[in-house]
């Protein structure tokens, strides 16, 4: 190992420990912490964040990074990747005043709790002051970080998708509109012919928990290394590849919600579990980008989880658990129902075809917020207008509208496009995977081992060693290409609705 790199690792250990503590605080805040704890816990998060910043921005770390950058040709591939990520993080953080950084961490900790209560009570006005402060802070931080030619939104987007710019996304979403909007209208016109009311009878939460836990382990989430809890908005977090945590939620009047949520989060979890031991707990010990991460969750949730082959061995178990609710419902009827396409209000409940329209709503609105062209107070009205424009429907409540996602409460502007890019990546990976694996045969045999191994070998084990496009070239032979997603959806829905 390079001598300077070895010195760098010694400085990074306390930085990693502080990051781990902050991750645990966030997990606790979203799952188990009592509401009254938030104010004092937020102070501790602020103190830990300040300590993290101080530990990371030590002059010694900057000096070592400069030396290692100069001698990068003598470094191993892993060492070069670590230095690349650290240089990027250092450049982002060193320009932000420490007191502002700490204040923002405390703000988002409080805002997440306020958001959860506001969502429950359908009270956007109580959350709006926090969101306004978050938007202004992110704009200010992006201004500190902006390089020549970058928009403020490009700066925020780069936190999640370094390979994409606002211009790239505009072109991507334009391609989706052209390729999918006519298909969405065609399928919506046929939606009434597909009964799905049986999915929304009473399904006791305890029975859902039992079945969803089985589903998580069935697809490859590992019990000895994973935790499943509950939260208002399902999410995945990890401390390292031996401690990965996912959450779920349960609605007794909806069977699909929890099932596809746990498959989605399970896909995220499997990615984190599959990162190589030599990379975990290093700066490159996470998913390559958020789009690549979402490609794995949405691959499991939709491409596998909503297929007939996936449910052939599982549907009898579901019938045995809910004999009254699913009485007389065939596998074919069930598959059509869980894939039924029609505009709806809730992103996480949206069908695979209309899902990206929900992302377009958020993408357009957060760009306007960051540009200063939309006031936070006007967001509920703008949300409804965008929903009418893209989905043809609008929410009656803010709980079903602007308050449905937690992302902005945490300051995650630029994250939402990752879901759409990830969905498209999943289809591109499927095309490559089918050249080596009979995917349907694996699913029908109740054996997802070959699928998990393929993804582990080509995507998971590398962590952040490579970027999104680099991984796609290594695995599929080409960079990101939305064509595969559009063709996948056309083929799937014409077949389902034939």
Foldseek 3Di string as FASTA:
>chain_A
DDPLLVVLVVLCVVLLVLVLVLLVLVVCLFFPDDLVCQLVSLLVSLVSQLVNLCSLQPVSNVVSLVVCVVVVVPDDLLSNLLSVLSVVVNLLRVLDDSVLRSVLSSLLSNLLSQLVVCLVVLNVVSNLVSLQVLLVSLLVSLVSRDDPPADSLQSLLCQFAVPDGPVRVVVVVVVLCVLFVVVLVVLQVCLVVADQQLQFDFADPVLLVVVQVVLLVLLPQDPQQEEEGAGLDWAKDASALSHIYTYFYDDRRGNLRRNLSSLLRSQLNLLRNLAAPVQISGSLSAFQGLLQSLLRSCLRRPVQVLDLLQCLVPVVVVCVSPVPSCPPPDSLSVSLNQQRRAFDQALSSHHPSLNVLLLVLLLVVLVCSSVVNDRSVCVQVSQQVSCCVRRVGGDPTCSSTVSVDSCSSNSSRSNSVSNVLSLLVNLLLVVLVVVPDPCSVCSNVSHCPVVSVLCSVQGRHCRNSDHQQVSSCVRRVGGRDSPSNSVVVVVVSVVSSD
